Amino acid sequence: MRTFRLAPDNMTFGFMRLRRVSYPFSALMSIISVLMFLAWGLNFGIDFAGGTLLEVRAKSGTADLTQLRGLGDRFALGEVEVQAFGGNADATVRIRLQPGGDAAQQAAVERVREAINTDYEFRRIEVVGPRVSGELVQSGTLGVVLSIVSVLIYLWFRYEWQLAVAAVIATMHDLLLTVGFFAVTRLEFNITSIAAILTIVGLSLNETVVVLDRIREMMKKYKKLPIPEMIDLSINAVLSRTIMTSTTTTLALLALVAFGGHVIQSFSLAMMFGVIVATYSSIFICSPILIYLGVRDATDKG
């Protein structure tokens, strides 16, 4: 029985011919990402920006999440994060840190309490101050940096230096564009966003390793074939697997975007973007670099 394949087995598309387009395009996107990050920064959520968390329980037995989210517009508090947890009656309401210091923050909390006091009982009130949010930023940044350093060390020992450099550049490319994606779209950057970035680094590494392993295998098998043709042959050989992996992951993320709700929206959208970028960079960024680095010499060591 013939299995379904998204790319034919005998496909011979010349990916390396497109490097003269992919490199300027990626350079432009990288510059835009840096400029947007410097100009606009990231839209930090309460986890990083500070604020107040209210844990409430609906007296009627069912919490109206839409009504609770509308409190932000009603009282001009900015975006109010609302998340259901436990049973249908329980929810958390996160109010951003308000301009004007502690007095303004307490006044905002009191307005919210007065507005919903009739329908909800308050189970817990927790304040996330600037100091705590700053520590979260530092911890999150440290986690990302350490994970990237670990990836770079792995790549350096896993491959010859030419292949390692190509993998590092592709991974940094994906990370930079993902940060630019958050800056341009103004998606909330919170703890789940850190998880998304770390997952994207793993996805990028996975896609890159698959392509590089096949390239190294093919170069040892066909030693006289020109490097561009060799890379094209390798990419075409794993293309069906790459497309299938990206497609199934994207379908799962689409379900999260459609049904996951507001709470994990930034995570789901960032992950979808990351899957696309990781697949693109493994083919059009990482692989062409090997041509310029003289990768043929790297395989002579056996």
C-alpha atoms as a PDB file:
ATOM      1  CA  MET A   1       0.000   0.000   0.000  1.00  0.00           C
ATOM      2  CA  ARG A   2       1.468   3.327  -1.081  1.00  0.00           C
ATOM      3  CA  THR A   3       1.908   5.823   1.760  1.00  0.00           C
ATOM      4  CA  PHE A   4       0.836   9.445   1.458  1.00  0.00           C
ATOM      5  CA  ARG A   5       3.701  11.893   0.874  1.00  0.00           C
ATOM      6  CA  LEU A   6       3.575  15.669   0.703  1.00  0.00           C
ATOM      7  CA  ALA A   7       6.649  15.747  -1.564  1.00  0.00           C
ATOM      8  CA  PRO A   8       7.505  13.189  -4.262  1.00  0.00           C
ATOM      9  CA  ASP A   9      10.445  10.858  -3.651  1.00  0.00           C
ATOM     10  CA  ASN A  10      12.215  11.903  -6.852  1.00  0.00           C
ATOM     11  CA  MET A  11      11.862  15.652  -6.341  1.00  0.00           C
ATOM     12  CA  THR A  12      14.863  17.653  -7.645  1.00  0.00           C
ATOM     13  CA  PHE A  13      14.030  21.273  -6.844  1.00  0.00           C
ATOM     14  CA  GLY A  14      17.041  23.616  -6.877  1.00  0.00           C
ATOM     15  CA  PHE A  15      16.812  25.303  -3.476  1.00  0.00           C
ATOM     16  CA  MET A  16      20.307  26.757  -3.636  1.00  0.00           C
ATOM     17  CA  ARG A  17      19.391  28.915  -6.604  1.00  0.00           C
ATOM     18  CA  LEU A  18      17.139  30.901  -4.265  1.00  0.00           C
ATOM     19  CA  ARG A  19      19.885  31.839  -1.818  1.00  0.00           C
ATOM     20  CA  ARG A  20      20.420  35.146  -3.619  1.00  0.00           C
ATOM     21  CA  VAL A  21      16.828  35.983  -2.699  1.00  0.00           C
ATOM     22  CA  SER A  22      16.560  34.361   0.732  1.00  0.00           C
ATOM     23  CA  TYR A  23      19.637  36.049   2.172  1.00  0.00           C
ATOM     24  CA  PRO A  24      18.622  39.656   1.352  1.00  0.00           C
ATOM     25  CA  PHE A  25      15.072  38.882   2.493  1.00  0.00           C
ATOM     26  CA  SER A  26      16.252  37.464   5.829  1.00  0.00           C
ATOM     27  CA  ALA A  27      18.678  40.344   6.300  1.00  0.00           C
ATOM     28  CA  LEU A  28      15.826  42.821   5.758  1.00  0.00           C
ATOM     29  CA  MET A  29      13.542  40.964   8.197  1.00  0.00           C
ATOM     30  CA  SER A  30      16.331  40.845  10.779  1.00  0.00           C
ATOM     31  CA  ILE A  31      16.967  44.581  10.492  1.00  0.00           C
ATOM     32  CA  ILE A  32      13.241  45.293  10.844  1.00  0.00           C
ATOM     33  CA  SER A  33      13.089  43.040  13.914  1.00  0.00           C
ATOM     34  CA  VAL A  34      15.970  44.877  15.584  1.00  0.00           C
ATOM     35  CA  LEU A  35      14.556  48.319  14.750  1.00  0.00           C
ATOM     36  CA  MET A  36      11.070  47.432  15.994  1.00  0.00           C
ATOM     37  CA  PHE A  37      12.494  45.985  19.197  1.00  0.00           C
ATOM     38  CA  LEU A  38      14.572  49.095  19.841  1.00  0.00           C
ATOM     39  CA  ALA A  39      11.734  51.475  18.906  1.00  0.00           C
ATOM     40  CA  TRP A  40       8.727  49.746  20.481  1.00  0.00           C
ATOM     41  CA  GLY A  41      10.173  47.164  22.842  1.00  0.00           C
ATOM     42  CA  LEU A  42       8.067  44.221  23.993  1.00  0.00           C
ATOM     43  CA  ASN A  43       4.524  44.338  25.307  1.00  0.00           C
ATOM     44  CA  PHE A  44       5.251  42.912  28.757  1.00  0.00           C
ATOM     45  CA  GLY A  45       2.423  41.214  30.632  1.00  0.00           C
ATOM     46  CA  ILE A  46       1.766  41.417  34.340  1.00  0.00           C
ATOM     47  CA  ASP A  47       4.341  38.704  35.027  1.00  0.00           C
ATOM     48  CA  PHE A  48       7.077  41.074  33.875  1.00  0.00           C
ATOM     49  CA  ALA A  49       5.487  44.543  34.150  1.00  0.00           C
ATOM     50  CA  GLY A  50       3.922  44.092  37.597  1.00  0.00           C
ATOM     51  CA  GLY A  51       0.292  44.395  38.713  1.00  0.00           C
ATOM     52  CA  THR A  52      -2.373  42.834  40.920  1.00  0.00           C
ATOM     53  CA  LEU A  53      -3.913  39.364  40.770  1.00  0.00           C
ATOM     54  CA  LEU A  54      -7.458  38.775  42.052  1.00  0.00           C
ATOM     55  CA  GLU A  55      -8.750  35.248  42.538  1.00  0.00           C
ATOM     56  CA  VAL A  56     -12.560  35.265  42.434  1.00  0.00           C
ATOM     57  CA  ARG A  57     -15.402  32.753  42.605  1.00  0.00           C
ATOM     58  CA  ALA A  58     -18.787  33.369  40.995  1.00  0.00           C
ATOM     59  CA  LYS A  59     -21.711  33.186  43.408  1.00  0.00           C
ATOM     60  CA  SER A  60     -23.959  31.943  40.615  1.00  0.00           C
ATOM     61  CA  GLY A  61     -21.683  28.961  39.963  1.00  0.00           C
ATOM     62  CA  THR A  62     -20.331  30.100  36.564  1.00  0.00           C
ATOM     63  CA  ALA A  63     -17.771  32.864  36.019  1.00  0.00           C
ATOM     64  CA  ASP A  64     -18.466  35.200  33.078  1.00  0.00           C
ATOM     65  CA  LEU A  65     -14.968  35.590  31.600  1.00  0.00           C
ATOM     66  CA  THR A  66     -16.128  38.025  28.904  1.00  0.00           C
ATOM     67  CA  GLN A  67     -17.616  40.334  31.503  1.00  0.00           C
ATOM     68  CA  LEU A  68     -14.461  40.222  33.600  1.00  0.00           C
ATOM     69  CA  ARG A  69     -12.239  41.018  30.607  1.00  0.00           C
ATOM     70  CA  GLY A  70     -14.453  44.017  29.836  1.00  0.00           C
ATOM     71  CA  LEU A  71     -13.462  45.648  33.121  1.00  0.00           C
ATOM     72  CA  GLY A  72     -10.267  46.932  31.503  1.00  0.00           C
ATOM     73  CA  ASP A  73     -12.127  49.022  28.920  1.00  0.00           C
ATOM     74  CA  ARG A  74     -14.843  49.992  31.392  1.00  0.00           C
ATOM     75  CA  PHE A  75     -12.433  51.557  33.880  1.00  0.00           C
ATOM     76  CA  ALA A  76      -9.569  52.419  31.461  1.00  0.00           C
ATOM     77  CA  LEU A  77      -7.187  49.992  33.174  1.00  0.00           C
ATOM     78  CA  GLY A  78      -5.539  48.682  30.026  1.00  0.00           C
ATOM     79  CA  GLU A  79      -5.756  45.026  29.135  1.00  0.00           C
ATOM     80  CA  VAL A  80      -7.100  42.881  31.976  1.00  0.00           C
ATOM     81  CA  GLU A  81      -5.999  39.237  31.885  1.00  0.00           C
ATOM     82  CA  VAL A  82      -8.701  36.757  32.881  1.00  0.00           C
ATOM     83  CA  GLN A  83      -8.085  33.030  33.246  1.00  0.00           C
ATOM     84  CA  ALA A  84     -10.418  30.249  34.337  1.00  0.00           C
ATOM     85  CA  PHE A  85      -9.062  27.561  36.637  1.00  0.00           C
ATOM     86  CA  GLY A  86     -10.436  24.731  38.727  1.00  0.00           C
ATOM     87  CA  GLY A  87     -14.219  24.665  38.382  1.00  0.00           C
ATOM     88  CA  ASN A  88     -16.460  26.832  36.232  1.00  0.00           C
ATOM     89  CA  ALA A  89     -16.953  29.296  39.056  1.00  0.00           C
ATOM     90  CA  ASP A  90     -13.288  30.138  39.620  1.00  0.00           C
ATOM     91  CA  ALA A  91     -11.226  32.691  37.732  1.00  0.00           C
ATOM     92  CA  THR A  92      -8.210  34.937  38.136  1.00  0.00           C
ATOM     93  CA  VAL A  93      -8.207  38.615  37.153  1.00  0.00           C
ATOM     94  CA  ARG A  94      -4.851  40.309  36.546  1.00  0.00           C
ATOM     95  CA  ILE A  95      -4.722  44.104  36.537  1.00  0.00           C
ATOM     96  CA  ARG A  96      -1.670  45.777  35.054  1.00  0.00           C
ATOM     97  CA  LEU A  97       0.475  48.135  37.104  1.00  0.00           C
ATOM     98  CA  GLN A  98      -1.253  51.515  36.831  1.00  0.00           C
ATOM     99  CA  PRO A  99       0.488  54.866  36.299  1.00  0.00           C
ATOM    100  CA  GLY A 100       0.552  56.862  39.520  1.00  0.00           C
ATOM    101  CA  GLY A 101       2.128  54.415  41.926  1.00  0.00           C
ATOM    102  CA  ASP A 102       0.556  52.416  44.751  1.00  0.00           C
ATOM    103  CA  ALA A 103      -2.346  54.821  45.266  1.00  0.00           C
ATOM    104  CA  ALA A 104      -3.487  54.512  41.651  1.00  0.00           C
ATOM    105  CA  GLN A 105      -3.088  50.739  41.763  1.00  0.00           C
ATOM    106  CA  GLN A 106      -5.175  50.420  44.923  1.00  0.00           C
ATOM    107  CA  ALA A 107      -7.848  52.697  43.472  1.00  0.00           C
ATOM    108  CA  ALA A 108      -8.035  50.529  40.339  1.00  0.00           C
ATOM    109  CA  VAL A 109      -8.389  47.371  42.421  1.00  0.00           C
ATOM    110  CA  GLU A 110     -11.130  48.963  44.513  1.00  0.00           C
ATOM    111  CA  ARG A 111     -13.096  49.988  41.415  1.00  0.00           C
ATOM    112  CA  VAL A 112     -12.933  46.419  40.134  1.00  0.00           C
ATOM    113  CA  ARG A 113     -13.974  44.996  43.498  1.00  0.00           C
ATOM    114  CA  GLU A 114     -16.951  47.324  43.749  1.00  0.00           C
ATOM    115  CA  ALA A 115     -18.044  46.475  40.201  1.00  0.00           C
ATOM    116  CA  ILE A 116     -18.105  42.698  40.685  1.00  0.00           C
ATOM    117  CA  ASN A 117     -18.557  42.377  44.443  1.00  0.00           C
ATOM    118  CA  THR A 118     -22.252  41.509  44.051  1.00  0.00           C
ATOM    119  CA  ASP A 119     -21.620  38.560  41.730  1.00  0.00           C
ATOM    120  CA  TYR A 120     -18.233  37.315  42.959  1.00  0.00           C
ATOM    121  CA  GLU A 121     -16.509  36.551  46.218  1.00  0.00           C
ATOM    122  CA  PHE A 122     -12.801  37.318  46.507  1.00  0.00           C
ATOM    123  CA  ARG A 123     -10.632  34.354  47.431  1.00  0.00           C
ATOM    124  CA  ARG A 124      -7.179  35.921  47.163  1.00  0.00           C
ATOM    125  CA  ILE A 125      -5.471  39.201  46.253  1.00  0.00           C
ATOM    126  CA  GLU A 126      -1.806  39.133  45.286  1.00  0.00           C
ATOM    127  CA  VAL A 127       0.373  42.071  44.261  1.00  0.00           C
ATOM    128  CA  VAL A 128       3.243  41.595  41.794  1.00  0.00           C
ATOM    129  CA  GLY A 129       5.450  44.617  42.344  1.00  0.00           C
ATOM    130  CA  PRO A 130       8.143  46.078  40.080  1.00  0.00           C
ATOM    131  CA  ARG A 131      10.884  44.302  42.056  1.00  0.00           C
ATOM    132  CA  VAL A 132       9.295  40.862  41.626  1.00  0.00           C
ATOM    133  CA  SER A 133       8.554  41.477  37.950  1.00  0.00           C
ATOM    134  CA  GLY A 134      12.141  42.624  37.443  1.00  0.00           C
ATOM    135  CA  GLU A 135      13.405  39.402  38.986  1.00  0.00           C
ATOM    136  CA  LEU A 136      11.148  37.439  36.629  1.00  0.00           C
ATOM    137  CA  VAL A 137      12.601  39.303  33.655  1.00  0.00           C
ATOM    138  CA  GLN A 138      16.119  38.500  34.806  1.00  0.00           C
ATOM    139  CA  SER A 139      15.299  34.849  35.469  1.00  0.00           C
ATOM    140  CA  GLY A 140      13.533  34.460  32.127  1.00  0.00           C
ATOM    141  CA  THR A 141      16.365  36.125  30.234  1.00  0.00           C
ATOM    142  CA  LEU A 142      18.931  33.995  32.050  1.00  0.00           C
ATOM    143  CA  GLY A 143      16.984  30.844  31.183  1.00  0.00           C
ATOM    144  CA  VAL A 144      16.900  31.742  27.485  1.00  0.00           C
ATOM    145  CA  VAL A 145      20.602  32.644  27.419  1.00  0.00           C
ATOM    146  CA  LEU A 146      21.654  29.441  29.180  1.00  0.00           C
ATOM    147  CA  SER A 147      19.543  27.316  26.854  1.00  0.00           C
ATOM    148  CA  ILE A 148      21.050  28.988  23.793  1.00  0.00           C
ATOM    149  CA  VAL A 149      24.577  28.550  25.148  1.00  0.00           C
ATOM    150  CA  SER A 150      23.829  24.854  25.763  1.00  0.00           C
ATOM    151  CA  VAL A 151      22.578  24.504  22.193  1.00  0.00           C
ATOM    152  CA  LEU A 152      25.693  26.184  20.818  1.00  0.00           C
ATOM    153  CA  ILE A 153      27.970  23.896  22.832  1.00  0.00           C
ATOM    154  CA  TYR A 154      26.066  20.862  21.579  1.00  0.00           C
ATOM    155  CA  LEU A 155      26.330  22.012  17.977  1.00  0.00           C
ATOM    156  CA  TRP A 156      30.046  22.699  18.285  1.00  0.00           C
ATOM    157  CA  PHE A 157      30.774  19.157  19.493  1.00  0.00           C
ATOM    158  CA  ARG A 158      28.171  17.539  17.247  1.00  0.00           C
ATOM    159  CA  TYR A 159      29.486  18.851  13.906  1.00  0.00           C
ATOM    160  CA  GLU A 160      32.606  20.028  12.123  1.00  0.00           C
ATOM    161  CA  TRP A 161      33.070  23.756  12.553  1.00  0.00           C
ATOM    162  CA  GLN A 162      31.542  24.699   9.193  1.00  0.00           C
ATOM    163  CA  LEU A 163      28.318  22.842   9.906  1.00  0.00           C
ATOM    164  CA  ALA A 164      28.276  24.105  13.502  1.00  0.00           C
ATOM    165  CA  VAL A 165      28.605  27.741  12.388  1.00  0.00           C
ATOM    166  CA  ALA A 166      25.765  27.281   9.893  1.00  0.00           C
ATOM    167  CA  ALA A 167      23.526  25.760  12.578  1.00  0.00           C
ATOM    168  CA  VAL A 168      24.331  28.560  15.031  1.00  0.00           C
ATOM    169  CA  ILE A 169      23.508  31.264  12.480  1.00  0.00           C
ATOM    170  CA  ALA A 170      20.199  29.583  11.621  1.00  0.00           C
ATOM    171  CA  THR A 171      19.235  29.294  15.302  1.00  0.00           C
ATOM    172  CA  MET A 172      20.120  32.937  16.020  1.00  0.00           C
ATOM    173  CA  HIS A 173      18.178  33.966  12.915  1.00  0.00           C
ATOM    174  CA  ASP A 174      15.042  32.213  14.195  1.00  0.00           C
ATOM    175  CA  LEU A 175      15.397  33.687  17.675  1.00  0.00           C
ATOM    176  CA  LEU A 176      15.854  37.213  16.322  1.00  0.00           C
ATOM    177  CA  LEU A 177      12.826  37.012  14.037  1.00  0.00           C
ATOM    178  CA  THR A 178      10.694  35.605  16.855  1.00  0.00           C
ATOM    179  CA  VAL A 179      11.571  38.540  19.120  1.00  0.00           C
ATOM    180  CA  GLY A 180      10.767  40.843  16.195  1.00  0.00           C
ATOM    181  CA  PHE A 181       7.432  39.058  15.792  1.00  0.00           C
ATOM    182  CA  PHE A 182       6.521  39.896  19.393  1.00  0.00           C
ATOM    183  CA  ALA A 183       7.605  43.515  18.911  1.00  0.00           C
ATOM    184  CA  VAL A 184       5.649  44.030  15.671  1.00  0.00           C
ATOM    185  CA  THR A 185       2.436  42.208  16.618  1.00  0.00           C
ATOM    186  CA  ARG A 186       2.389  43.617  20.180  1.00  0.00           C
ATOM    187  CA  LEU A 187       1.435  40.233  21.535  1.00  0.00           C
ATOM    188  CA  GLU A 188       1.754  40.095  25.288  1.00  0.00           C
ATOM    189  CA  PHE A 189       5.181  38.891  26.356  1.00  0.00           C
ATOM    190  CA  ASN A 190       4.885  36.834  29.544  1.00  0.00           C
ATOM    191  CA  ILE A 191       6.116  33.597  31.097  1.00  0.00           C
ATOM    192  CA  THR A 192       4.429  31.508  28.388  1.00  0.00           C
ATOM    193  CA  SER A 193       6.283  33.570  25.778  1.00  0.00           C
ATOM    194  CA  ILE A 194       9.577  32.487  27.345  1.00  0.00           C
ATOM    195  CA  ALA A 195       8.374  28.894  26.999  1.00  0.00           C
ATOM    196  CA  ALA A 196       7.531  29.566  23.341  1.00  0.00           C
ATOM    197  CA  ILE A 197      11.008  30.966  22.632  1.00  0.00           C
ATOM    198  CA  LEU A 198      12.714  27.993  24.260  1.00  0.00           C
ATOM    199  CA  THR A 199      10.512  25.608  22.280  1.00  0.00           C
ATOM    200  CA  ILE A 200      11.252  27.451  19.041  1.00  0.00           C
ATOM    201  CA  VAL A 201      14.986  27.136  19.716  1.00  0.00           C
ATOM    202  CA  GLY A 202      14.439  23.381  20.057  1.00  0.00           C
ATOM    203  CA  LEU A 203      12.371  23.240  16.863  1.00  0.00           C
ATOM    204  CA  SER A 204      14.989  25.193  14.957  1.00  0.00           C
ATOM    205  CA  LEU A 205      17.723  22.899  16.198  1.00  0.00           C
ATOM    206  CA  ASN A 206      15.713  19.802  15.293  1.00  0.00           C
ATOM    207  CA  GLU A 207      15.020  20.931  11.723  1.00  0.00           C
ATOM    208  CA  THR A 208      18.616  22.051  11.255  1.00  0.00           C
ATOM    209  CA  VAL A 209      20.104  18.801  12.549  1.00  0.00           C
ATOM    210  CA  VAL A 210      17.929  16.722  10.214  1.00  0.00           C
ATOM    211  CA  VAL A 211      19.105  18.668   7.166  1.00  0.00           C
ATOM    212  CA  LEU A 212      22.771  18.818   8.223  1.00  0.00           C
ATOM    213  CA  ASP A 213      22.915  15.108   8.996  1.00  0.00           C
ATOM    214  CA  ARG A 214      21.662  14.277   5.508  1.00  0.00           C
ATOM    215  CA  ILE A 215      24.071  16.763   3.918  1.00  0.00           C
ATOM    216  CA  ARG A 216      27.033  15.234   5.711  1.00  0.00           C
ATOM    217  CA  GLU A 217      25.885  11.748   4.744  1.00  0.00           C
ATOM    218  CA  MET A 218      25.471  12.680   1.084  1.00  0.00           C
ATOM    219  CA  MET A 219      28.846  14.428   0.877  1.00  0.00           C
ATOM    220  CA  LYS A 220      30.606  11.286   2.041  1.00  0.00           C
ATOM    221  CA  LYS A 221      28.639   9.219  -0.467  1.00  0.00           C
ATOM    222  CA  TYR A 222      28.973  11.489  -3.512  1.00  0.00           C
ATOM    223  CA  LYS A 223      32.380  13.111  -3.132  1.00  0.00           C
ATOM    224  CA  LYS A 224      32.664  14.474  -6.673  1.00  0.00           C
ATOM    225  CA  LEU A 225      29.252  16.107  -6.911  1.00  0.00           C
ATOM    226  CA  PRO A 226      29.356  19.933  -6.718  1.00  0.00           C
ATOM    227  CA  ILE A 227      28.382  21.309  -3.310  1.00  0.00           C
ATOM    228  CA  PRO A 228      25.227  23.194  -4.449  1.00  0.00           C
ATOM    229  CA  GLU A 229      23.893  20.083  -6.170  1.00  0.00           C
ATOM    230  CA  MET A 230      24.810  17.987  -3.143  1.00  0.00           C
ATOM    231  CA  ILE A 231      22.894  20.274  -0.801  1.00  0.00           C
ATOM    232  CA  ASP A 232      19.873  20.294  -3.110  1.00  0.00           C
ATOM    233  CA  LEU A 233      19.956  16.503  -3.231  1.00  0.00           C
ATOM    234  CA  SER A 234      20.082  16.321   0.565  1.00  0.00           C
ATOM    235  CA  ILE A 235      17.238  18.786   1.119  1.00  0.00           C
ATOM    236  CA  ASN A 236      15.012  17.050  -1.410  1.00  0.00           C
ATOM    237  CA  ALA A 237      15.706  13.732   0.320  1.00  0.00           C
ATOM    238  CA  VAL A 238      14.336  14.992   3.672  1.00  0.00           C
ATOM    239  CA  LEU A 239      11.765  17.425   2.277  1.00  0.00           C
ATOM    240  CA  SER A 240       8.774  15.115   2.756  1.00  0.00           C
ATOM    241  CA  ARG A 241       9.716  14.512   6.390  1.00  0.00           C
ATOM    242  CA  THR A 242      10.293  18.234   6.987  1.00  0.00           C
ATOM    243  CA  ILE A 243       6.963  19.245   5.473  1.00  0.00           C
ATOM    244  CA  MET A 244       5.071  16.539   7.337  1.00  0.00           C
ATOM    245  CA  THR A 245       6.590  17.542  10.684  1.00  0.00           C
ATOM    246  CA  SER A 246       5.859  21.227  10.131  1.00  0.00           C
ATOM    247  CA  THR A 247       2.324  20.548   8.898  1.00  0.00           C
ATOM    248  CA  THR A 248       1.284  18.328  11.796  1.00  0.00           C
ATOM    249  CA  THR A 249       2.770  20.746  14.332  1.00  0.00           C
ATOM    250  CA  THR A 250       0.998  23.679  12.692  1.00  0.00           C
ATOM    251  CA  LEU A 251      -2.343  21.848  12.723  1.00  0.00           C
ATOM    252  CA  ALA A 252      -2.006  21.225  16.451  1.00  0.00           C
ATOM    253  CA  LEU A 253      -1.130  24.885  17.018  1.00  0.00           C
ATOM    254  CA  LEU A 254      -4.109  26.001  14.932  1.00  0.00           C
ATOM    255  CA  ALA A 255      -6.325  24.090  17.329  1.00  0.00           C
ATOM    256  CA  LEU A 256      -4.695  25.930  20.234  1.00  0.00           C
ATOM    257  CA  VAL A 257      -5.216  29.292  18.513  1.00  0.00           C
ATOM    258  CA  ALA A 258      -8.862  28.502  17.755  1.00  0.00           C
ATOM    259  CA  PHE A 259      -9.875  26.889  21.040  1.00  0.00           C
ATOM    260  CA  GLY A 260      -7.111  27.654  23.532  1.00  0.00           C
ATOM    261  CA  GLY A 261      -8.515  31.032  24.480  1.00  0.00           C
ATOM    262  CA  HIS A 262      -6.927  34.345  25.278  1.00  0.00           C
ATOM    263  CA  VAL A 263      -4.563  33.034  27.947  1.00  0.00           C
ATOM    264  CA  ILE A 264      -2.272  31.054  25.605  1.00  0.00           C
ATOM    265  CA  GLN A 265      -2.847  33.124  22.477  1.00  0.00           C
ATOM    266  CA  SER A 266       0.625  34.672  22.484  1.00  0.00           C
ATOM    267  CA  PHE A 267       2.210  31.248  23.013  1.00  0.00           C
ATOM    268  CA  SER A 268       0.221  29.608  20.192  1.00  0.00           C
ATOM    269  CA  LEU A 269       0.767  32.374  17.623  1.00  0.00           C
ATOM    270  CA  ALA A 270       4.474  32.646  18.438  1.00  0.00           C
ATOM    271  CA  MET A 271       4.847  28.890  18.082  1.00  0.00           C
ATOM    272  CA  MET A 272       3.137  28.913  14.676  1.00  0.00           C
ATOM    273  CA  PHE A 273       5.485  31.644  13.535  1.00  0.00           C
ATOM    274  CA  GLY A 274       8.442  29.733  14.955  1.00  0.00           C
ATOM    275  CA  VAL A 275       7.563  26.522  13.104  1.00  0.00           C
ATOM    276  CA  ILE A 276       7.461  28.384   9.788  1.00  0.00           C
ATOM    277  CA  VAL A 277      10.698  30.268  10.444  1.00  0.00           C
ATOM    278  CA  ALA A 278      12.551  27.156  11.670  1.00  0.00           C
ATOM    279  CA  THR A 279      11.602  25.219   8.543  1.00  0.00           C
ATOM    280  CA  TYR A 280      12.552  28.148   6.298  1.00  0.00           C
ATOM    281  CA  SER A 281      15.922  28.761   7.957  1.00  0.00           C
ATOM    282  CA  SER A 282      17.015  25.107   7.863  1.00  0.00           C
ATOM    283  CA  ILE A 283      16.634  25.142   4.072  1.00  0.00           C
ATOM    284  CA  PHE A 284      17.322  28.697   2.941  1.00  0.00           C
ATOM    285  CA  ILE A 285      19.657  30.057   5.646  1.00  0.00           C
ATOM    286  CA  CYS A 286      21.646  27.220   7.192  1.00  0.00           C
ATOM    287  CA  SER A 287      22.263  25.120   4.077  1.00  0.00           C
ATOM    288  CA  PRO A 288      23.536  27.843   1.688  1.00  0.00           C
ATOM    289  CA  ILE A 289      26.088  29.001   4.268  1.00  0.00           C
ATOM    290  CA  LEU A 290      27.928  25.720   3.751  1.00  0.00           C
ATOM    291  CA  ILE A 291      28.697  26.740   0.180  1.00  0.00           C
ATOM    292  CA  TYR A 292      30.551  29.846   1.351  1.00  0.00           C
ATOM    293  CA  LEU A 293      32.330  28.085   4.218  1.00  0.00           C
ATOM    294  CA  GLY A 294      33.867  25.388   2.043  1.00  0.00           C
ATOM    295  CA  VAL A 295      32.128  22.512   3.769  1.00  0.00           C
ATOM    296  CA  ARG A 296      33.679  19.903   1.464  1.00  0.00           C
ATOM    297  CA  ASP A 297      36.932  20.266   3.386  1.00  0.00           C
ATOM    298  CA  ALA A 298      35.137  19.454   6.639  1.00  0.00           C
ATOM    299  CA  THR A 299      34.158  15.968   5.517  1.00  0.00           C
ATOM    300  CA  ASP A 300      37.662  14.986   4.445  1.00  0.00           C
ATOM    301  CA  LYS A 301      38.391  14.225   8.094  1.00  0.00           C
ATOM    302  CA  GLY A 302      35.925  11.295   7.795  1.00  0.00           C
END
